[in-house]
Protein backbone atom coordinates (compact mmCIF):
# COMPACT_ATOMS: atom_id res chain seq x y z
CA MET A 1 4.24 -3.25 -18.00
CA THR A 2 5.04 -1.60 -14.68
CA ASN A 3 6.66 -3.62 -11.88
CA ILE A 4 5.26 -2.92 -8.41
CA ASP A 5 7.44 -4.08 -5.50
CA ILE A 6 5.68 -5.39 -2.40
CA LYS A 7 6.80 -7.04 0.80
CA PRO A 8 6.30 -10.82 1.04
CA PRO A 9 4.33 -12.94 0.91
CA PHE A 10 1.28 -11.36 -0.82
CA ILE A 11 -0.98 -8.31 -1.16
CA LYS A 12 -4.74 -8.19 -1.64
CA LEU A 13 -6.10 -6.90 -4.94
CA ASP A 14 -7.86 -3.82 -3.55
CA GLN A 15 -4.77 -2.86 -1.55
CA PHE A 16 -2.56 -3.41 -4.59
CA LEU A 17 -4.58 -0.99 -6.74
CA LYS A 18 -4.23 1.71 -4.09
CA PHE A 19 -0.53 0.94 -3.46
CA ALA A 20 0.23 1.15 -7.19
CA ASN A 21 -1.60 4.52 -7.38
CA VAL A 22 -4.00 3.10 -9.95
CA ILE A 23 -7.03 4.23 -7.92
CA TYR A 24 -7.36 6.63 -5.00
CA SER A 25 -9.65 5.04 -2.42
CA GLY A 26 -10.95 1.77 -1.10
CA GLY A 27 -14.42 2.68 -2.30
CA GLU A 28 -13.17 3.23 -5.82
CA ALA A 29 -11.28 -0.08 -5.66
CA LYS A 30 -14.46 -1.88 -4.63
CA THR A 31 -16.41 -0.31 -7.49
CA VAL A 32 -13.94 -1.11 -10.27
CA ILE A 33 -13.23 -4.65 -9.03
CA GLN A 34 -16.88 -5.61 -8.54
CA GLY A 35 -17.69 -3.95 -11.86
CA GLY A 36 -15.45 -6.45 -13.67
CA LEU A 37 -12.96 -3.81 -14.80
CA VAL A 38 -9.86 -5.48 -13.34
CA SER A 39 -8.20 -8.68 -14.50
CA VAL A 40 -5.59 -10.82 -12.80
CA ASN A 41 -3.38 -13.01 -14.98
CA GLY A 42 -5.69 -12.44 -17.94
CA GLU A 43 -8.97 -13.28 -16.19
CA ILE A 44 -11.59 -10.85 -14.88
CA CYS A 45 -11.48 -10.81 -11.09
CA THR A 46 -14.37 -9.57 -8.92
CA GLN A 47 -12.85 -10.55 -5.56
CA ARG A 48 -11.49 -7.52 -3.68
CA GLY A 49 -9.56 -9.74 -1.27
CA LYS A 50 -7.89 -11.90 -3.93
CA LYS A 51 -4.33 -12.57 -2.81
CA LEU A 52 -1.68 -11.55 -5.33
CA TYR A 53 1.70 -13.26 -5.27
CA ASP A 54 5.04 -12.70 -6.99
CA GLY A 55 4.67 -12.70 -10.76
CA TYR A 56 0.93 -12.02 -10.91
CA VAL A 57 -0.12 -9.48 -13.54
CA VAL A 58 -2.97 -7.05 -12.86
CA SER A 59 -4.62 -5.22 -15.77
CA PHE A 60 -6.77 -2.10 -15.49
CA GLU A 61 -7.73 0.50 -18.11
CA GLY A 62 -5.25 -0.83 -20.67
CA GLU A 63 -2.28 -0.86 -18.30
CA GLU A 64 -0.52 -3.86 -16.81
CA PHE A 65 1.17 -4.06 -13.42
CA LYS A 66 3.36 -6.96 -12.32
CA VAL A 67 3.58 -7.94 -8.66
CA CYS A 68 7.22 -8.27 -7.59
CA ILE A 69 8.32 -9.42 -4.14
CA SER A 70 11.02 -7.23 -2.62
CA GLU A 71 12.93 -8.60 0.32
C-alpha cells in the first residue's frame, strides 16, 4: 500500500488519482471511475467528486493507495 499525503481536509477522487500519478488526465479519471474500475474502502465508486478523507483506501488496477493528511 502506498501512502499519499494531501493537505486537509479532503481531496476529490478524480483529483486524487491524478495527484497520486495513477492516471494522467481528468478525462482518463472520468472514464476509469465511471467504468467501475476504482474502489474506495473496498467498494466500487462511480462518483468522480467523492470526497476522500484521512485513512481512506483507494484501489485501482491491483494497487492500493491510502489517503494521509499532512499538516
